[in-house]
Amino acid sequence: MTGMAKTTGSAGSTRNWTFLTNHGHVLLAIARNPTARLRDVAEEVGVTERAAQAIVADLESGGYLRRTRVGRRNEYTIDPSGHFRHPAEADRQVGDLLALFTPGHADQDA
């Protein structure tokens, strides 16, 4: 992952951080390509394939996406009406995030 923000701590250590979590990055990667292999999603996000699988399982159990088997591949459908989990954003739907980062997604049916 390039262009990651870095913060230098008081002890001189450098930490990388981003505004979105890996869950958010995986959701956006799947929104951009609903038939992507998890190997490709993991590479795009910068996590292991096993981590991507766990994140997809979290998103699926949380009702944010649905996995459908199509031949030997999976196809994912995102529910944009799901609400953010943190109390500070709980009044907003994930569709707002998708619309911001995936042009044309707001016009698609979930």
Protein backbone atom coordinates (compact mmCIF):
# COMPACT_ATOMS: atom_id res chain seq x y z
CA MET A 1 0.00 0.00 0.00
CA THR A 2 1.59 3.26 -1.07
CA GLY A 3 1.07 6.75 0.25
CA MET A 4 0.23 5.65 3.77
CA ALA A 5 0.35 8.41 6.37
CA LYS A 6 3.18 8.16 8.87
CA THR A 7 3.29 9.53 12.38
CA THR A 8 6.49 9.93 14.33
CA GLY A 9 6.00 9.21 18.01
CA SER A 10 7.77 10.90 20.89
CA ALA A 11 10.34 8.08 21.07
CA GLY A 12 11.16 8.57 17.37
CA SER A 13 9.24 5.48 16.24
CA THR A 14 7.26 5.73 13.01
CA ARG A 15 3.74 4.28 12.69
CA ASN A 16 1.71 3.85 9.51
CA TRP A 17 -2.00 4.53 9.66
CA THR A 18 -5.02 5.17 7.42
CA PHE A 19 -8.45 6.67 7.96
CA LEU A 20 -10.26 3.50 6.89
CA THR A 21 -9.94 0.09 8.51
CA ASN A 22 -9.09 -3.05 6.59
CA HIS A 23 -12.80 -3.92 6.76
CA GLY A 24 -13.61 -0.69 4.94
CA HIS A 25 -10.90 -1.31 2.36
CA VAL A 26 -12.14 -4.86 1.69
CA LEU A 27 -15.72 -3.63 1.34
CA LEU A 28 -14.61 -0.99 -1.17
CA ALA A 29 -12.49 -3.46 -3.14
CA ILE A 30 -15.46 -5.82 -3.42
CA ALA A 31 -17.77 -2.95 -4.37
CA ARG A 32 -15.37 -2.08 -7.21
CA ASN A 33 -15.17 -5.71 -8.38
CA PRO A 34 -17.90 -8.00 -7.01
CA THR A 35 -16.39 -11.08 -8.68
CA ALA A 36 -12.81 -10.49 -7.49
CA ARG A 37 -10.89 -13.41 -6.03
CA LEU A 38 -10.05 -12.94 -2.36
CA ARG A 39 -6.39 -13.31 -3.30
CA ASP A 40 -6.75 -10.16 -5.43
CA VAL A 41 -8.73 -8.32 -2.76
CA ALA A 42 -6.06 -9.17 -0.19
CA GLU A 43 -3.32 -7.88 -2.47
CA GLU A 44 -5.20 -4.64 -3.16
CA VAL A 45 -5.83 -4.01 0.54
CA GLY A 46 -2.38 -5.11 1.69
CA VAL A 47 -3.43 -7.99 3.95
CA THR A 48 -3.00 -11.75 3.79
CA GLU A 49 -5.56 -13.87 1.96
CA ARG A 50 -6.54 -15.42 5.30
CA ALA A 51 -7.16 -11.94 6.77
CA ALA A 52 -9.29 -11.04 3.74
CA GLN A 53 -11.31 -14.25 4.25
CA ALA A 54 -11.89 -13.38 7.91
CA ILE A 55 -12.93 -9.83 7.02
CA VAL A 56 -15.37 -11.07 4.36
CA ALA A 57 -16.81 -13.50 6.93
CA ASP A 58 -17.24 -10.58 9.37
CA LEU A 59 -18.94 -8.44 6.73
CA GLU A 60 -21.16 -11.31 5.68
CA SER A 61 -22.23 -12.18 9.25
CA GLY A 62 -22.85 -8.47 9.89
CA GLY A 63 -25.24 -8.36 6.92
CA TYR A 64 -23.11 -5.96 4.86
CA LEU A 65 -22.57 -8.38 2.00
CA ARG A 66 -23.87 -11.65 0.62
CA ARG A 67 -21.73 -14.28 -1.07
CA THR A 68 -23.18 -16.28 -3.97
CA ARG A 69 -21.40 -19.18 -5.63
CA VAL A 70 -21.25 -18.80 -9.43
CA GLY A 71 -19.51 -21.81 -10.92
CA ARG A 72 -16.12 -22.02 -9.24
CA ARG A 73 -16.11 -18.36 -8.17
CA ASN A 74 -17.87 -16.25 -5.59
CA GLU A 75 -19.88 -13.18 -6.44
CA TYR A 76 -20.55 -10.62 -3.74
CA THR A 77 -23.56 -8.36 -3.32
CA ILE A 78 -23.27 -5.44 -0.93
CA ASP A 79 -26.22 -4.11 1.06
CA PRO A 80 -25.71 -0.33 0.98
CA SER A 81 -28.46 0.20 3.56
CA GLY A 82 -26.36 -1.27 6.39
CA HIS A 83 -25.36 1.26 9.03
CA PHE A 84 -21.87 1.97 10.33
CA ARG A 85 -21.09 0.15 13.56
CA HIS A 86 -19.38 2.96 15.50
CA PRO A 87 -21.85 5.10 17.51
CA ALA A 88 -20.40 8.32 16.04
CA GLU A 89 -21.47 7.26 12.52
CA ALA A 90 -24.34 4.87 13.31
CA ASP A 91 -26.82 7.22 11.66
CA ARG A 92 -25.04 6.84 8.29
CA GLN A 93 -25.32 3.99 5.80
CA VAL A 94 -22.35 2.24 4.21
CA GLY A 95 -23.85 3.20 0.86
CA ASP A 96 -22.64 6.74 1.60
CA LEU A 97 -19.07 5.45 1.77
CA LEU A 98 -19.51 3.38 -1.37
CA ALA A 99 -20.90 6.36 -3.26
CA LEU A 100 -17.89 8.42 -2.21
CA PHE A 101 -15.23 5.92 -3.27
CA THR A 102 -16.89 3.91 -6.05
CA PRO A 103 -18.38 6.24 -8.67
CA GLY A 104 -21.58 4.89 -10.16
CA HIS A 105 -22.23 2.52 -7.25
CA ALA A 106 -25.11 4.63 -5.91
CA ASP A 107 -27.00 3.98 -9.14
CA GLN A 108 -26.72 0.18 -8.84
CA ASP A 109 -29.24 -2.04 -7.12
CA ALA A 110 -27.97 -3.98 -4.12
